[in-house]
Amino acid sequence: MLVNPVVRPEKVGQLTGLSQVSSYKLIDDFVRLGILREVTGGQRNRIFLFHEYFDVFNDRS
């Protein structure tokens, strides 16, 4: 995840060998746990972001 903090469900399926349905379920679990955040706002071609990774670079304290 740290190698590529932006992910699409299709890529999750390729990396894990999971079906598309299982990939979406896994991503939904990560969203529910607050690990990933959906950033496109659409129903198709959604992109998910590991937001805490980006927050490290956006922290301007």
N, C-alpha and C. Protein backbone atom coordinates (compact mmCIF):
# COMPACT_ATOMS: atom_id res chain seq x y z
N MET A 1 0.83 -1.19 0.00
CA MET A 1 0.00 0.00 0.00
C MET A 1 0.87 1.25 0.00
N LEU A 2 1.97 1.25 0.72
CA LEU A 2 2.81 2.44 0.76
C LEU A 2 3.53 2.68 -0.55
N VAL A 3 3.68 1.65 -1.35
CA VAL A 3 4.31 1.82 -2.66
C VAL A 3 3.38 2.60 -3.57
N ASN A 4 2.10 2.33 -3.50
CA ASN A 4 1.12 3.03 -4.33
C ASN A 4 -0.09 3.35 -3.46
N PRO A 5 -0.14 4.54 -2.88
CA PRO A 5 -1.23 4.88 -1.96
C PRO A 5 -2.55 5.22 -2.64
N VAL A 6 -2.57 5.18 -3.97
CA VAL A 6 -3.80 5.38 -4.73
C VAL A 6 -4.11 4.07 -5.43
N VAL A 7 -5.33 3.57 -5.25
CA VAL A 7 -5.64 2.24 -5.77
C VAL A 7 -7.03 2.21 -6.39
N ARG A 8 -7.16 1.35 -7.38
CA ARG A 8 -8.44 1.05 -8.02
C ARG A 8 -8.79 -0.41 -7.70
N PRO A 9 -10.06 -0.72 -7.63
CA PRO A 9 -10.45 -2.11 -7.33
C PRO A 9 -9.86 -3.13 -8.30
N GLU A 10 -9.72 -2.76 -9.55
CA GLU A 10 -9.15 -3.69 -10.53
C GLU A 10 -7.72 -4.07 -10.16
N LYS A 11 -6.96 -3.10 -9.68
CA LYS A 11 -5.57 -3.35 -9.29
C LYS A 11 -5.52 -4.23 -8.04
N VAL A 12 -6.46 -4.02 -7.12
CA VAL A 12 -6.52 -4.88 -5.93
C VAL A 12 -6.73 -6.32 -6.36
N GLY A 13 -7.61 -6.54 -7.33
CA GLY A 13 -7.85 -7.88 -7.83
C GLY A 13 -6.62 -8.49 -8.46
N GLN A 14 -5.89 -7.69 -9.24
CA GLN A 14 -4.66 -8.19 -9.88
C GLN A 14 -3.61 -8.55 -8.84
N LEU A 15 -3.47 -7.71 -7.84
CA LEU A 15 -2.42 -7.93 -6.83
C LEU A 15 -2.74 -9.09 -5.89
N THR A 16 -4.02 -9.28 -5.59
CA THR A 16 -4.41 -10.28 -4.60
C THR A 16 -4.94 -11.57 -5.19
N GLY A 17 -5.35 -11.52 -6.47
CA GLY A 17 -5.98 -12.69 -7.07
C GLY A 17 -7.45 -12.81 -6.70
N LEU A 18 -8.01 -11.79 -6.06
CA LEU A 18 -9.42 -11.80 -5.68
C LEU A 18 -10.30 -11.45 -6.88
N SER A 19 -11.53 -11.91 -6.83
CA SER A 19 -12.50 -11.52 -7.86
C SER A 19 -12.81 -10.03 -7.69
N GLN A 20 -13.48 -9.46 -8.69
CA GLN A 20 -13.84 -8.05 -8.62
C GLN A 20 -14.76 -7.78 -7.43
N VAL A 21 -15.72 -8.67 -7.20
CA VAL A 21 -16.64 -8.51 -6.08
C VAL A 21 -15.88 -8.55 -4.75
N SER A 22 -14.98 -9.51 -4.62
CA SER A 22 -14.19 -9.62 -3.38
C SER A 22 -13.26 -8.43 -3.20
N SER A 23 -12.73 -7.90 -4.29
CA SER A 23 -11.88 -6.71 -4.21
C SER A 23 -12.66 -5.52 -3.68
N TYR A 24 -13.87 -5.33 -4.19
CA TYR A 24 -14.72 -4.24 -3.70
C TYR A 24 -15.08 -4.43 -2.23
N LYS A 25 -15.33 -5.67 -1.83
CA LYS A 25 -15.65 -5.93 -0.42
C LYS A 25 -14.45 -5.60 0.47
N LEU A 26 -13.26 -5.98 0.03
CA LEU A 26 -12.06 -5.67 0.79
C LEU A 26 -11.87 -4.16 0.92
N ILE A 27 -12.03 -3.47 -0.20
CA ILE A 27 -11.90 -2.01 -0.18
C ILE A 27 -12.97 -1.39 0.71
N ASP A 28 -14.20 -1.88 0.63
CA ASP A 28 -15.27 -1.37 1.51
C ASP A 28 -14.91 -1.54 2.97
N ASP A 29 -14.30 -2.67 3.32
CA ASP A 29 -13.85 -2.87 4.70
C ASP A 29 -12.80 -1.83 5.08
N PHE A 30 -11.86 -1.56 4.18
CA PHE A 30 -10.83 -0.56 4.46
C PHE A 30 -11.42 0.84 4.58
N VAL A 31 -12.44 1.13 3.78
CA VAL A 31 -13.11 2.43 3.89
C VAL A 31 -13.82 2.52 5.23
N ARG A 32 -14.53 1.49 5.61
CA ARG A 32 -15.25 1.46 6.88
C ARG A 32 -14.30 1.61 8.07
N LEU A 33 -13.11 1.06 7.96
CA LEU A 33 -12.10 1.16 9.03
C LEU A 33 -11.35 2.49 9.01
N GLY A 34 -11.60 3.29 7.98
CA GLY A 34 -10.94 4.59 7.89
C GLY A 34 -9.55 4.54 7.30
N ILE A 35 -9.20 3.43 6.67
CA ILE A 35 -7.87 3.28 6.07
C ILE A 35 -7.83 3.89 4.68
N LEU A 36 -8.88 3.64 3.90
CA LEU A 36 -8.98 4.19 2.56
C LEU A 36 -10.13 5.19 2.50
N ARG A 37 -10.03 6.10 1.54
CA ARG A 37 -11.09 7.08 1.28
C ARG A 37 -11.33 7.14 -0.22
N GLU A 38 -12.60 7.09 -0.61
CA GLU A 38 -12.96 7.18 -2.02
C GLU A 38 -12.87 8.65 -2.41
N VAL A 39 -12.18 8.95 -3.51
CA VAL A 39 -11.92 10.35 -3.85
C VAL A 39 -12.56 10.83 -5.15
N THR A 40 -13.20 9.95 -5.90
CA THR A 40 -13.77 10.38 -7.17
C THR A 40 -15.22 10.84 -7.06
N GLY A 41 -15.94 10.33 -6.08
CA GLY A 41 -17.33 10.72 -5.90
C GLY A 41 -18.29 10.07 -6.88
N GLY A 42 -17.83 9.15 -7.67
CA GLY A 42 -18.68 8.50 -8.66
C GLY A 42 -18.98 7.06 -8.29
N GLN A 43 -19.74 6.43 -9.14
CA GLN A 43 -20.05 5.01 -8.97
C GLN A 43 -19.19 4.13 -9.85
N ARG A 44 -18.59 4.71 -10.89
CA ARG A 44 -17.76 3.95 -11.82
C ARG A 44 -16.34 4.51 -11.79
N ASN A 45 -15.39 3.66 -12.10
CA ASN A 45 -13.98 4.06 -12.17
C ASN A 45 -13.53 4.77 -10.90
N ARG A 46 -13.95 4.24 -9.77
CA ARG A 46 -13.62 4.87 -8.49
C ARG A 46 -12.15 4.67 -8.16
N ILE A 47 -11.61 5.65 -7.46
CA ILE A 47 -10.23 5.63 -7.00
C ILE A 47 -10.25 5.81 -5.49
N PHE A 48 -9.42 5.05 -4.83
CA PHE A 48 -9.35 5.10 -3.37
C PHE A 48 -7.95 5.53 -2.95
N LEU A 49 -7.91 6.29 -1.87
CA LEU A 49 -6.68 6.91 -1.42
C LEU A 49 -6.37 6.48 0.01
N PHE A 50 -5.13 6.11 0.25
CA PHE A 50 -4.64 5.87 1.61
C PHE A 50 -4.29 7.24 2.15
N HIS A 51 -5.30 7.92 2.70
CA HIS A 51 -5.20 9.34 3.03
C HIS A 51 -4.17 9.66 4.10
N GLU A 52 -3.93 8.77 5.04
CA GLU A 52 -2.94 9.07 6.09
C GLU A 52 -1.53 9.22 5.51
N TYR A 53 -1.26 8.51 4.45
CA TYR A 53 0.03 8.63 3.77
C TYR A 53 0.21 10.04 3.23
N PHE A 54 -0.83 10.55 2.59
CA PHE A 54 -0.77 11.91 2.04
C PHE A 54 -0.79 12.96 3.13
N ASP A 55 -1.46 12.68 4.22
CA ASP A 55 -1.52 13.64 5.32
C ASP A 55 -0.13 13.93 5.89
N VAL A 56 0.76 12.96 5.83
CA VAL A 56 2.13 13.17 6.30
C VAL A 56 2.79 14.29 5.52
N PHE A 57 2.54 14.33 4.22
CA PHE A 57 3.16 15.34 3.36
C PHE A 57 2.40 16.66 3.35
N ASN A 58 1.14 16.62 3.71
CA ASN A 58 0.33 17.84 3.73
C ASN A 58 0.34 18.54 5.07
N ASP A 59 0.93 17.93 6.09
CA ASP A 59 1.01 18.53 7.41
C ASP A 59 1.97 19.71 7.37
N ARG A 60 1.46 20.88 7.52
CA ARG A 60 2.28 22.09 7.39
C ARG A 60 2.54 22.73 8.75
N SER A 61 2.63 21.93 9.79
CA SER A 61 2.87 22.45 11.13
C SER A 61 4.26 23.02 11.27
